[in-house]
Amino acid sequence: MVATRFAVAIHILLLLATEPGGQATSGRIAGSVGTNPVVIRRLAGQLARAGLLRVRRGPGGAELARPPEEITLAEVWMAMRRPGLPLLPNHPGPRMNGDALGRAVPGLLRGVLDDAERAMEDHLSGVTLRELHARVVEA
């Protein structure tokens, strides 16, 4: 679920970086994303609380809070994920009377999955919205 919210949030921010001010309404963005304007407004609220965009009431009332070269994908990722919930869930292991392996695997795997998520976040911190925007323009 967080990966979907992240992708839609990136779409929202790219549209705001691309379209002239006042044209990127929630309806326009929803049409581009292929979802409902309510979903766009909810995610825009999360992005605004994270300091990535500013929202004003009325049509076309959203704009980037900072230039695209100052917004990293890691910031968008953190705005969309729910604290305490890992991206890669793990099975809990046996509730009672498990063998030593059964008790050990969940903790071992959790460490590996957490390392993978940190590596992804590190990579995302090196990619800016401007870089993605340039790729869109090239395409």
Protein backbone atom coordinates (compact mmCIF):
# COMPACT_ATOMS: atom_id res chain seq x y z
CA MET A 1 0.00 0.00 0.00
CA VAL A 2 2.79 2.44 0.84
CA ALA A 3 4.41 1.78 -2.53
CA THR A 4 1.18 2.76 -4.30
CA ARG A 5 0.80 5.94 -2.22
CA PHE A 6 4.44 6.75 -2.95
CA ALA A 7 3.96 6.35 -6.72
CA VAL A 8 0.82 8.52 -6.70
CA ALA A 9 2.55 11.14 -4.53
CA ILE A 10 5.43 11.31 -7.03
CA HIS A 11 2.87 11.66 -9.85
CA ILE A 12 1.20 14.56 -7.98
CA LEU A 13 4.50 16.35 -7.40
CA LEU A 14 5.64 15.84 -10.99
CA LEU A 15 2.40 17.28 -12.30
CA LEU A 16 2.80 20.31 -10.03
CA ALA A 17 6.38 20.73 -11.28
CA THR A 18 5.22 20.48 -14.89
CA GLU A 19 1.92 22.36 -15.13
CA PRO A 20 1.60 26.13 -14.95
CA GLY A 21 0.22 27.43 -11.65
CA GLY A 22 -3.50 27.07 -11.15
CA GLN A 23 -4.09 24.25 -13.64
CA ALA A 24 -3.24 21.25 -11.48
CA THR A 25 -6.59 20.81 -9.74
CA SER A 26 -7.34 17.62 -7.81
CA GLY A 27 -9.66 16.63 -10.67
CA ARG A 28 -6.93 17.21 -13.28
CA ILE A 29 -4.37 15.30 -11.23
CA ALA A 30 -6.85 12.47 -10.56
CA GLY A 31 -7.46 12.15 -14.29
CA SER A 32 -3.75 11.88 -14.97
CA VAL A 33 -3.23 9.34 -12.16
CA GLY A 34 -6.42 7.38 -12.88
CA THR A 35 -7.96 7.71 -9.44
CA ASN A 36 -10.55 9.73 -7.53
CA PRO A 37 -9.96 13.42 -6.63
CA VAL A 38 -10.59 12.54 -2.97
CA VAL A 39 -7.54 10.25 -3.03
CA ILE A 40 -5.48 13.08 -4.51
CA ARG A 41 -6.64 15.55 -1.85
CA ARG A 42 -5.85 13.08 0.95
CA LEU A 43 -2.34 12.41 -0.36
CA ALA A 44 -1.80 16.13 -1.04
CA GLY A 45 -2.63 16.71 2.63
CA GLN A 46 0.08 14.25 3.66
CA LEU A 47 2.55 15.93 1.32
CA ALA A 48 1.62 19.33 2.72
CA ARG A 49 2.10 18.13 6.32
CA ALA A 50 5.55 16.88 5.27
CA GLY A 51 6.39 20.34 3.90
CA LEU A 52 6.60 19.20 0.28
CA LEU A 53 3.69 21.19 -1.12
CA ARG A 54 1.41 24.05 -0.18
CA VAL A 55 -2.34 23.77 -0.58
CA ARG A 56 -4.83 26.62 -0.77
CA ARG A 57 -8.57 26.22 -1.00
CA GLY A 58 -10.06 26.60 -4.45
CA PRO A 59 -9.17 25.32 -7.91
CA GLY A 60 -5.52 24.85 -8.67
CA GLY A 61 -4.56 25.66 -5.11
CA ALA A 62 -1.53 23.39 -4.86
CA GLU A 63 2.10 24.18 -5.55
CA LEU A 64 5.48 22.76 -4.64
CA ALA A 65 6.72 24.10 -1.32
CA ARG A 66 10.33 24.03 -2.56
CA PRO A 67 12.04 23.87 -5.94
CA PRO A 68 12.06 20.34 -7.45
CA GLU A 69 15.84 20.07 -7.09
CA GLU A 70 15.43 20.40 -3.30
CA ILE A 71 12.86 17.59 -2.95
CA THR A 72 14.26 14.06 -2.72
CA LEU A 73 12.32 10.90 -3.32
CA ALA A 74 13.31 9.81 0.19
CA GLU A 75 11.33 12.74 1.59
CA VAL A 76 8.29 11.68 -0.42
CA TRP A 77 8.77 8.08 0.74
CA MET A 78 8.87 9.14 4.38
CA ALA A 79 5.77 11.31 3.92
CA MET A 80 3.82 8.34 2.56
CA ARG A 81 4.86 5.57 4.91
CA ARG A 82 3.28 4.93 8.24
CA PRO A 83 5.80 5.07 11.11
CA GLY A 84 6.44 1.72 12.71
CA LEU A 85 5.16 -0.34 9.78
CA PRO A 86 7.96 -1.93 7.76
CA LEU A 87 7.78 -1.94 3.99
CA LEU A 88 8.59 -5.64 3.92
CA PRO A 89 6.50 -7.50 6.49
CA ASN A 90 7.78 -10.60 8.19
CA HIS A 91 6.01 -13.62 9.57
CA PRO A 92 5.81 -13.64 13.38
CA GLY A 93 7.17 -17.15 13.90
CA PRO A 94 5.66 -19.71 16.22
CA ARG A 95 3.52 -18.29 18.99
CA MET A 96 4.32 -21.12 21.37
CA ASN A 97 6.62 -24.12 21.58
CA GLY A 98 8.50 -23.47 18.34
CA ASP A 99 11.87 -25.05 17.80
CA ALA A 100 15.05 -22.98 17.93
CA LEU A 101 15.03 -22.31 14.19
CA GLY A 102 11.36 -21.31 14.26
CA ARG A 103 12.09 -18.83 17.03
CA ALA A 104 15.24 -17.43 15.36
CA VAL A 105 14.12 -16.91 11.75
CA PRO A 106 11.73 -13.96 12.26
CA GLY A 107 14.39 -11.87 14.03
CA LEU A 108 17.11 -12.77 11.53
CA LEU A 109 14.87 -12.03 8.58
CA ARG A 110 13.66 -8.77 10.11
CA GLY A 111 17.25 -7.53 10.23
CA VAL A 112 17.83 -8.39 6.56
CA LEU A 113 14.56 -6.77 5.47
CA ASP A 114 15.28 -3.63 7.52
CA ASP A 115 18.72 -3.39 5.88
CA ALA A 116 17.09 -3.66 2.45
CA GLU A 117 14.63 -0.89 3.28
CA ARG A 118 17.46 1.36 4.53
CA ALA A 119 19.37 0.73 1.28
CA MET A 120 16.30 1.73 -0.71
CA GLU A 121 15.86 4.90 1.36
CA ASP A 122 19.55 5.74 0.87
CA HIS A 123 19.13 5.38 -2.89
CA LEU A 124 15.96 7.50 -2.90
CA SER A 125 17.76 10.26 -0.99
CA GLY A 126 20.07 10.66 -3.98
CA VAL A 127 17.27 11.20 -6.51
CA THR A 128 15.47 14.52 -6.75
CA LEU A 129 12.12 15.47 -8.18
CA ARG A 130 14.02 17.62 -10.71
CA GLU A 131 15.83 14.52 -12.02
CA LEU A 132 12.54 12.66 -12.52
CA HIS A 133 11.01 15.76 -14.11
CA ALA A 134 13.91 15.91 -16.58
CA ARG A 135 13.26 12.27 -17.52
CA VAL A 136 9.57 13.05 -18.15
CA VAL A 137 10.51 16.00 -20.36
CA GLU A 138 12.98 13.83 -22.31
CA ALA A 139 10.34 11.13 -22.86
